[in-house]
Amino acid sequence: MDIVGRCASFTRSRQARSLGLYPFYSAFSGRGPGAARTVGGRDVIVCGSGDYLGLAADPRVTEAAAEAVRRYGTGSSGSRLLNGNLDLHEQLEDELAQFFGKPAALVFATGYQAGLGAVAGLCRTGDHVLVDQEAHASLVDAARLSRARVHWFPHNDTDRLAAGLKALPGNGGRMVVVDGVYSMRGDLCPLPDLVRVCHEHRATLVVDDAHGAGVLAEGHGTCAQYGLTDDVPVISLTFSKAFASIGGAVLGDKAVIEYLRHYARPLVFSAGASPANTAAALEALRIVRDEPWRGRAALDNAHRMRHALSALGYRVPPGETPLVPVDIGDELRTAVAWKLLLDRGVHVNAVMPPAAPACLRASFCASHTREQLDAVTAAFADIREPLAALALPENGLTASHTSHLRLPGTEDSAETWAAGIRHLLP
């Protein structure tokens, strides 16, 4: 089959849509109070957003973005290396470095590019990169593109990491890549052990703090939460979560940042971040600095919902971040739960393999009101009975019934899929 033909044979998304069980690419068309947004012409409470501090619609942030467009125009119009470098970029870098307690920072157009630039930009042929198996996809891609030899270690298993580092051949550089807060489980990396292991084996530790920066430790992030900011050579982060924008940054020593300014290909060969996005991130950073209560509010709301959902009988792991995964079961039950909640005015994220084992990934923000959280709790309570009533085939749930909710390809026919789903629905 040719490549275009392979695309034409992809029918799973259409089948899931026809059954109302396609949980991706929801089209939001507006914002309401608190964490309310509009999707499909109706208001829903969004419990999956990365807008942890509720700043994406803050008038101070939106006005900063608008003023930047009036002053600089809509784009940077070139690579920062040549003609797309704005004084606004450098101002943001200075304030990021100061706030996070690192000597220097480098701003990229996206958070994905920041992680890619840090890992692939610092490594070369002959080096070794050791990556946590649950690290974000951008870090996985960065390791593969780095020209270094890539090794994987089990999630948060520092003993296996130490053994892997000890067994490495040659004299090449060694890098360890982890998330500060893991985006699917919402769990923290074991940073003290990681720092110790990397120090013992002379490895450079890179922590991507997309979900911790702006929230944990009065906004200073995961490394500050552990009191280890000075012990982590390279930190990357994104602006698309707590900082209410698009973009990202790498923080580290001045020598590291100067090197990346010339060797990070996503920076050198991409236009600089837009004026609006840069100004929005800068204003959000200043709000994070001046209003640390926002991070605490997000964590308090997540703590409350963990307890509420656990009390309803849902499987919710303990945690201390805004991310709250809810284990519903297999892919089908997860998709049905997503649809039942949406029908009740609650939008959560349905996670499917291969990204992670199937679950509902909720997140809670400073902007969630008490009334909204009560409504979310009531919706989860309301769907317990229809979820329990899902009828399973005599031989249990098989791949032929659920494979079309998966991303990997299968040969199951549309008829098999539709018949299986109809049989399983209450």
Protein backbone atom coordinates (compact mmCIF):
# COMPACT_ATOMS: atom_id res chain seq x y z
CA MET A 1 0.00 0.00 0.00
CA ASP A 2 1.38 3.44 -0.91
CA ILE A 3 1.62 6.19 1.68
CA VAL A 4 -1.43 8.14 0.53
CA GLY A 5 -3.39 4.92 0.29
CA ARG A 6 -2.46 4.11 3.86
CA CYS A 7 -3.95 7.44 4.93
CA ALA A 8 -7.15 6.77 3.02
CA SER A 9 -7.55 3.45 4.85
CA PHE A 10 -7.55 5.18 8.23
CA THR A 11 -11.20 5.01 9.24
CA ARG A 12 -11.12 4.65 13.02
CA SER A 13 -11.71 8.35 13.74
CA ARG A 14 -14.77 8.41 11.47
CA GLN A 15 -16.20 5.32 13.12
CA ALA A 16 -15.70 6.69 16.60
CA ARG A 17 -17.28 10.01 15.56
CA SER A 18 -20.31 8.22 14.16
CA LEU A 19 -20.84 6.61 17.56
CA GLY A 20 -20.28 9.86 19.47
CA LEU A 21 -17.21 8.36 21.13
CA TYR A 22 -14.44 10.43 19.56
CA PRO A 23 -12.82 12.32 22.45
CA PHE A 24 -10.29 14.36 20.47
CA TYR A 25 -10.18 17.73 18.69
CA SER A 26 -13.14 19.27 20.50
CA ALA A 27 -13.67 22.72 18.98
CA PHE A 28 -13.88 25.34 21.72
CA SER A 29 -15.48 28.58 20.58
CA GLY A 30 -15.49 30.82 23.61
CA ARG A 31 -14.74 31.30 27.31
CA GLY A 32 -17.11 31.78 30.18
CA PRO A 33 -16.61 32.53 33.89
CA GLY A 34 -14.14 30.48 35.88
CA ALA A 35 -13.15 27.38 33.96
CA ALA A 36 -16.22 27.42 31.69
CA ARG A 37 -15.80 27.29 27.93
CA THR A 38 -18.06 26.80 24.94
CA VAL A 39 -17.90 23.66 22.81
CA GLY A 40 -20.47 22.61 20.26
CA GLY A 41 -22.66 25.59 21.13
CA ARG A 42 -22.95 24.69 24.82
CA ASP A 43 -21.15 25.79 27.95
CA VAL A 44 -19.06 23.14 29.68
CA ILE A 45 -16.77 23.07 32.69
CA VAL A 46 -13.30 22.24 31.42
CA CYS A 47 -11.36 19.89 33.68
CA GLY A 48 -8.43 19.11 31.44
CA SER A 49 -6.88 22.47 30.69
CA GLY A 50 -3.25 23.37 31.33
CA ASP A 51 -4.32 26.91 32.26
CA TYR A 52 -3.49 26.06 35.85
CA LEU A 53 -3.47 29.62 37.16
CA GLY A 54 -6.50 30.84 35.20
CA LEU A 55 -4.50 33.49 33.35
CA ALA A 56 -5.34 32.70 29.71
CA ALA A 57 -8.27 35.11 29.78
CA ASP A 58 -6.90 37.49 32.41
CA PRO A 59 -7.36 41.07 31.12
CA ARG A 60 -3.80 41.98 32.07
CA VAL A 61 -2.43 39.16 29.91
CA THR A 62 -4.72 39.75 26.93
CA GLU A 63 -3.99 43.49 26.96
CA ALA A 64 -0.24 42.85 27.09
CA ALA A 65 -0.58 40.63 24.02
CA ALA A 66 -2.68 43.22 22.19
CA GLU A 67 -0.26 46.03 23.01
CA ALA A 68 2.65 43.94 21.70
CA VAL A 69 0.84 43.46 18.38
CA ARG A 70 0.24 47.19 18.11
CA ARG A 71 3.92 47.90 18.79
CA TYR A 72 5.73 45.04 17.01
CA GLY A 73 3.18 43.63 14.55
CA THR A 74 1.91 40.08 14.41
CA GLY A 75 5.14 38.13 13.89
CA SER A 76 8.87 38.24 14.46
CA SER A 77 9.41 37.69 10.72
CA GLY A 78 12.59 35.69 10.98
CA SER A 79 14.94 33.51 12.97
CA ARG A 80 16.21 35.09 16.15
CA LEU A 81 19.74 34.39 14.91
CA LEU A 82 19.32 36.74 11.96
CA ASN A 83 16.50 39.27 12.16
CA GLY A 84 13.71 37.95 14.39
CA ASN A 85 15.24 38.71 17.78
CA LEU A 86 13.12 41.19 19.75
CA ASP A 87 14.06 43.13 22.84
CA LEU A 88 10.87 41.58 24.22
CA HIS A 89 12.43 38.10 23.91
CA GLU A 90 15.48 39.22 25.85
CA GLN A 91 13.41 40.94 28.52
CA LEU A 92 11.45 37.73 29.05
CA GLU A 93 14.69 35.75 29.25
CA ASP A 94 16.11 38.08 31.90
CA GLU A 95 13.00 37.88 34.06
CA LEU A 96 12.67 34.10 33.66
CA ALA A 97 16.27 33.58 34.78
CA GLN A 98 15.78 35.84 37.77
CA PHE A 99 12.49 34.25 38.84
CA PHE A 100 13.63 30.64 38.51
CA GLY A 101 17.05 31.27 40.01
CA LYS A 102 19.24 30.28 37.06
CA PRO A 103 22.00 32.40 35.49
CA ALA A 104 20.43 32.61 32.02
CA ALA A 105 17.43 31.61 29.89
CA LEU A 106 16.66 31.13 26.21
CA VAL A 107 13.15 31.58 24.77
CA PHE A 108 11.81 29.32 22.00
CA ALA A 109 8.65 29.63 19.90
CA THR A 110 7.07 26.50 21.46
CA GLY A 111 7.59 24.35 24.51
CA TYR A 112 8.17 21.36 22.23
CA GLN A 113 11.04 23.23 20.61
CA ALA A 114 12.53 24.12 23.98
CA GLY A 115 12.88 20.48 25.02
CA LEU A 116 14.06 19.52 21.56
CA GLY A 117 16.62 22.30 21.52
CA ALA A 118 17.98 21.50 24.97
CA VAL A 119 18.52 17.78 24.43
CA ALA A 120 19.40 17.60 20.74
CA GLY A 121 21.34 20.85 20.89
CA LEU A 122 23.63 19.75 23.71
CA CYS A 123 24.32 16.16 22.59
CA ARG A 124 26.37 14.82 19.71
CA THR A 125 27.53 11.53 18.21
CA GLY A 126 29.25 9.38 20.84
CA ASP A 127 27.18 10.72 23.73
CA HIS A 128 24.55 8.76 25.66
CA VAL A 129 21.06 9.94 26.58
CA LEU A 130 19.09 8.05 29.24
CA VAL A 131 15.37 8.83 29.19
CA ASP A 132 12.62 7.95 31.66
CA GLN A 133 10.14 5.68 29.89
CA GLU A 134 7.26 8.03 30.69
CA ALA A 135 8.99 11.24 29.64
CA HIS A 136 7.04 13.57 27.38
CA ALA A 137 6.99 12.78 23.66
CA SER A 138 8.96 15.94 22.88
CA LEU A 139 11.83 14.65 25.01
CA VAL A 140 11.65 11.24 23.38
CA ASP A 141 11.86 12.87 19.96
CA ALA A 142 14.67 15.11 21.16
CA ALA A 143 16.72 12.12 22.32
CA ARG A 144 16.19 10.31 19.02
CA LEU A 145 17.23 13.36 17.03
CA SER A 146 20.26 14.10 19.17
CA ARG A 147 22.64 11.72 17.33
CA ALA A 148 23.52 10.28 20.75
CA ARG A 149 22.84 6.68 21.67
CA VAL A 150 19.45 6.49 23.44
CA HIS A 151 18.76 4.30 26.47
CA TRP A 152 15.52 3.93 28.45
CA PHE A 153 15.05 3.31 32.15
CA PRO A 154 11.84 2.31 34.00
CA HIS A 155 9.73 5.17 35.25
CA ASN A 156 11.26 6.85 38.32
CA ASP A 157 13.57 3.86 38.88
CA THR A 158 16.82 5.51 39.96
CA ASP A 159 18.46 2.17 40.80
CA ARG A 160 18.05 1.02 37.20
CA LEU A 161 19.24 4.41 36.02
CA ALA A 162 22.40 4.13 38.11
CA ALA A 163 23.05 0.63 36.77
CA GLY A 164 22.55 1.87 33.22
CA LEU A 165 24.95 4.76 33.68
CA LYS A 166 27.54 2.49 35.24
CA ALA A 167 27.38 0.09 32.29
CA LEU A 168 27.83 2.73 29.59
CA PRO A 169 30.83 2.18 27.34
CA GLY A 170 33.27 4.81 26.11
CA ASN A 171 34.01 8.33 27.20
CA GLY A 172 31.11 10.18 25.58
CA GLY A 173 28.93 12.67 27.42
CA ARG A 174 26.05 11.39 29.51
CA MET A 175 22.65 13.04 29.81
CA VAL A 176 19.61 12.01 31.89
CA VAL A 177 16.24 13.36 30.75
CA VAL A 178 13.12 13.41 32.96
CA ASP A 179 9.91 15.32 33.51
CA GLY A 180 9.52 17.32 36.71
CA VAL A 181 5.80 16.48 36.81
CA TYR A 182 4.68 13.64 34.56
CA SER A 183 1.77 14.69 32.41
CA MET A 184 -0.23 11.46 32.49
CA ARG A 185 0.02 10.29 36.12
CA GLY A 186 0.67 13.71 37.60
CA ASP A 187 3.46 12.30 39.74
CA LEU A 188 6.74 14.01 40.59
CA CYS A 189 10.17 12.80 39.60
CA PRO A 190 12.38 11.59 42.51
CA LEU A 191 14.65 14.58 42.09
CA PRO A 192 16.95 14.12 45.12
CA ASP A 193 17.86 10.60 43.98
CA LEU A 194 18.24 11.72 40.38
CA VAL A 195 20.62 14.51 41.41
CA ARG A 196 22.68 12.09 43.50
CA VAL A 197 22.91 9.46 40.74
CA CYS A 198 23.82 12.02 38.10
CA HIS A 199 26.49 13.52 40.32
CA GLU A 200 27.99 10.09 41.04
CA HIS A 201 28.18 9.21 37.34
CA ARG A 202 29.02 12.67 35.97
CA ALA A 203 25.80 12.88 33.96
CA THR A 204 24.02 16.09 32.97
CA LEU A 205 20.46 16.15 34.30
CA VAL A 206 17.73 17.81 32.21
CA VAL A 207 14.37 18.39 33.91
CA ASP A 208 11.42 19.40 31.76
CA ASP A 209 9.10 21.28 34.13
CA ALA A 210 6.16 21.98 31.85
CA HIS A 211 3.57 21.09 34.51
CA GLY A 212 5.44 22.26 37.61
CA ALA A 213 6.70 25.70 36.61
CA GLY A 214 4.34 28.44 37.74
CA VAL A 215 2.49 26.14 40.15
CA LEU A 216 4.74 24.33 42.62
CA ALA A 217 6.84 26.12 45.23
CA GLU A 218 5.11 29.50 44.87
CA GLY A 219 5.51 29.15 41.11
CA HIS A 220 9.23 28.39 41.10
CA GLY A 221 8.63 24.80 40.01
CA THR A 222 9.63 21.24 40.78
CA CYS A 223 13.33 21.87 41.35
CA ALA A 224 12.53 24.59 43.89
CA GLN A 225 9.97 22.28 45.51
CA TYR A 226 12.87 20.02 46.40
CA GLY A 227 15.29 22.89 47.08
CA LEU A 228 17.55 21.63 44.28
CA THR A 229 17.42 24.32 41.61
CA ASP A 230 21.18 24.89 41.81
CA ASP A 231 21.81 21.14 41.40
CA VAL A 232 19.94 20.78 38.09
CA PRO A 233 22.10 22.01 35.20
CA VAL A 234 19.32 22.36 32.62
CA ILE A 235 15.62 23.09 33.09
CA SER A 236 13.12 23.42 30.26
CA LEU A 237 9.54 24.66 30.49
CA THR A 238 6.59 25.67 28.39
CA PHE A 239 4.43 28.79 28.37
CA SER A 240 1.30 26.88 27.29
CA LYS A 241 0.38 25.81 30.82
CA ALA A 242 0.70 28.19 33.76
CA PHE A 243 2.02 31.06 31.63
CA ALA A 244 -1.08 31.41 29.46
CA SER A 245 0.66 31.58 26.11
CA ILE A 246 2.59 29.58 23.51
CA GLY A 247 6.34 29.18 23.69
CA GLY A 248 8.97 27.76 25.96
CA ALA A 249 12.37 28.31 27.50
CA VAL A 250 15.55 26.58 28.58
CA LEU A 251 17.31 27.72 31.75
CA GLY A 252 20.90 27.01 32.77
CA ASP A 253 24.39 28.40 33.12
CA LYS A 254 25.38 31.24 30.80
CA ALA A 255 27.79 28.98 28.90
CA VAL A 256 25.03 26.43 28.25
CA ILE A 257 22.60 29.08 27.03
CA GLU A 258 25.20 30.76 24.80
CA TYR A 259 26.04 27.38 23.26
CA LEU A 260 22.35 26.65 22.57
CA ARG A 261 21.91 30.06 20.95
CA HIS A 262 24.12 28.69 18.14
CA TYR A 263 23.49 24.93 18.22
CA ALA A 264 19.79 24.52 19.06
CA ARG A 265 18.36 23.91 15.61
CA PRO A 266 14.72 24.60 16.59
CA LEU A 267 15.84 28.09 17.58
CA VAL A 268 18.27 28.80 14.76
CA PHE A 269 16.02 27.51 11.96
CA SER A 270 12.64 28.73 13.17
CA ALA A 271 11.07 32.15 13.45
CA GLY A 272 11.19 33.73 16.88
CA ALA A 273 8.18 33.60 19.18
CA SER A 274 5.49 36.06 18.15
CA PRO A 275 5.30 39.42 19.95
CA ALA A 276 1.84 38.62 21.31
CA ASN A 277 2.87 35.24 22.73
CA THR A 278 6.06 36.66 24.22
CA ALA A 279 4.32 39.60 25.86
CA ALA A 280 1.55 37.36 27.21
CA ALA A 281 4.11 35.02 28.79
CA LEU A 282 6.01 37.95 30.27
CA GLU A 283 2.89 39.43 31.85
CA ALA A 284 1.84 36.01 33.15
CA LEU A 285 5.29 35.53 34.68
CA ARG A 286 4.94 38.82 36.54
CA ILE A 287 1.51 37.78 37.83
CA VAL A 288 2.94 34.45 38.98
CA ARG A 289 5.64 36.37 40.85
CA ASP A 290 3.19 38.79 42.47
CA GLU A 291 0.25 36.43 43.10
CA PRO A 292 1.62 33.11 44.39
CA TRP A 293 -1.82 32.27 45.80
CA ARG A 294 -2.85 31.13 42.33
CA GLY A 295 -0.62 28.07 42.39
CA ARG A 296 -1.81 27.20 45.88
CA ALA A 297 -5.44 27.52 44.75
CA ALA A 298 -4.89 25.12 41.85
CA LEU A 299 -3.28 22.57 44.18
CA ASP A 300 -6.07 22.98 46.75
CA ASN A 301 -8.74 22.39 44.10
CA ALA A 302 -6.95 19.28 42.83
CA HIS A 303 -6.59 17.97 46.39
CA ARG A 304 -10.31 18.47 46.99
CA MET A 305 -11.27 16.66 43.80
CA ARG A 306 -8.94 13.72 44.50
CA HIS A 307 -10.78 13.16 47.75
CA ALA A 308 -14.21 13.69 46.21
CA LEU A 309 -13.62 11.25 43.34
CA SER A 310 -12.02 8.66 45.61
CA ALA A 311 -15.05 8.90 47.92
CA LEU A 312 -17.26 8.09 44.92
CA GLY A 313 -15.30 4.88 44.38
CA TYR A 314 -13.11 5.97 41.46
CA ARG A 315 -9.52 4.78 41.29
CA VAL A 316 -7.48 7.97 41.75
CA PRO A 317 -3.79 7.77 42.68
CA PRO A 318 -2.46 10.07 45.40
CA GLY A 319 -0.64 13.15 44.21
CA GLU A 320 0.43 16.71 44.93
CA THR A 321 0.03 18.37 41.52
CA PRO A 322 -2.94 19.80 39.57
CA LEU A 323 -3.15 16.62 37.44
CA VAL A 324 -5.68 14.01 38.58
CA PRO A 325 -5.84 10.81 36.49
CA VAL A 326 -9.00 8.71 36.93
CA ASP A 327 -8.73 5.03 36.04
CA ILE A 328 -12.02 4.07 34.41
CA GLY A 329 -10.87 0.79 32.87
CA ASP A 330 -10.33 -0.16 29.24
CA GLU A 331 -10.43 2.15 26.23
CA LEU A 332 -14.15 1.64 25.62
CA ARG A 333 -15.18 2.46 29.17
CA THR A 334 -12.92 5.49 29.10
CA ALA A 335 -14.51 6.78 25.88
CA VAL A 336 -18.01 6.15 27.19
CA ALA A 337 -17.21 7.92 30.47
CA TRP A 338 -15.86 10.90 28.51
CA LYS A 339 -19.11 11.07 26.51
CA LEU A 340 -21.35 10.68 29.57
CA LEU A 341 -19.53 13.49 31.35
CA LEU A 342 -19.68 15.74 28.29
CA ASP A 343 -23.44 15.16 28.11
CA ARG A 344 -23.57 16.46 31.69
CA GLY A 345 -21.56 19.58 30.88
CA VAL A 346 -18.09 18.43 31.99
CA HIS A 347 -15.14 18.16 29.60
CA VAL A 348 -12.18 16.00 30.63
CA ASN A 349 -9.32 14.50 28.62
CA ALA A 350 -9.61 10.90 27.48
CA VAL A 351 -6.13 9.39 27.27
CA MET A 352 -5.65 6.36 25.04
CA PRO A 353 -2.73 4.07 24.19
CA PRO A 354 -0.03 4.42 23.03
CA ALA A 355 0.25 7.76 24.84
CA ALA A 356 -0.53 6.02 28.15
CA PRO A 357 -2.86 3.34 29.52
CA ALA A 358 -6.48 4.40 29.07
CA CYS A 359 -7.77 6.83 31.68
CA LEU A 360 -9.55 10.12 32.14
CA ARG A 361 -6.95 12.77 32.81
CA ALA A 362 -8.49 15.64 34.72
CA SER A 363 -6.72 18.78 35.83
CA PHE A 364 -7.89 21.49 38.17
CA CYS A 365 -7.04 25.15 38.08
CA ALA A 366 -7.13 28.22 40.25
CA SER A 367 -10.11 29.43 38.20
CA HIS A 368 -12.38 26.53 39.13
CA THR A 369 -15.07 27.87 41.46
CA ARG A 370 -16.52 25.92 44.36
CA GLU A 371 -19.82 25.65 42.46
CA GLN A 372 -18.06 24.27 39.38
CA LEU A 373 -16.19 21.66 41.42
CA ASP A 374 -19.46 20.60 43.05
CA ALA A 375 -21.03 20.26 39.59
CA VAL A 376 -18.09 18.15 38.40
CA THR A 377 -18.40 15.90 41.44
CA ALA A 378 -22.15 15.51 40.80
CA ALA A 379 -21.50 14.59 37.16
CA PHE A 380 -18.99 11.89 38.14
CA ALA A 381 -21.51 10.57 40.68
CA ASP A 382 -24.25 10.56 38.04
CA ILE A 383 -22.34 8.42 35.54
CA ARG A 384 -21.43 5.61 37.92
CA GLU A 385 -24.61 3.65 37.22
CA PRO A 386 -24.50 3.77 33.40
CA LEU A 387 -20.80 2.89 33.49
CA ALA A 388 -21.51 -0.09 35.73
CA ALA A 389 -24.28 -1.17 33.35
CA LEU A 390 -21.94 -1.61 30.39
CA ALA A 391 -22.60 -5.13 29.15
CA LEU A 392 -19.55 -7.14 28.16
CA PRO A 393 -19.47 -10.04 25.69
CA GLU A 394 -19.38 -13.53 27.19
CA ASN A 395 -15.66 -13.84 26.56
CA GLY A 396 -14.86 -10.36 27.83
CA LEU A 397 -13.72 -7.26 26.02
CA THR A 398 -11.53 -8.16 23.03
CA ALA A 399 -9.29 -6.23 20.70
CA SER A 400 -11.93 -6.34 17.96
CA HIS A 401 -14.23 -4.24 20.14
CA THR A 402 -11.77 -1.58 21.20
CA SER A 403 -8.99 -1.43 18.65
CA HIS A 404 -10.48 1.50 16.76
CA LEU A 405 -10.08 3.70 19.79
CA ARG A 406 -6.35 2.94 19.69
CA LEU A 407 -3.81 4.77 17.61
CA PRO A 408 -1.92 1.69 16.32
CA GLY A 409 -3.42 0.27 13.12
CA THR A 410 -5.46 -2.91 12.91
CA GLU A 411 -7.30 -4.72 10.14
CA ASP A 412 -10.70 -4.87 11.89
CA SER A 413 -13.58 -3.88 9.67
CA ALA A 414 -15.95 -1.01 10.35
CA GLU A 415 -18.76 -3.55 10.71
CA THR A 416 -16.92 -5.45 13.43
CA TRP A 417 -16.18 -2.25 15.31
CA ALA A 418 -19.69 -0.81 15.08
CA ALA A 419 -21.37 -4.09 16.01
CA GLY A 420 -19.07 -4.55 18.97
CA ILE A 421 -19.61 -1.06 20.31
CA ARG A 422 -23.40 -1.23 19.92
CA HIS A 423 -23.41 -4.49 21.84
CA LEU A 424 -21.40 -2.96 24.66
CA LEU A 425 -23.30 0.30 25.07
CA PRO A 426 -26.01 0.38 27.81
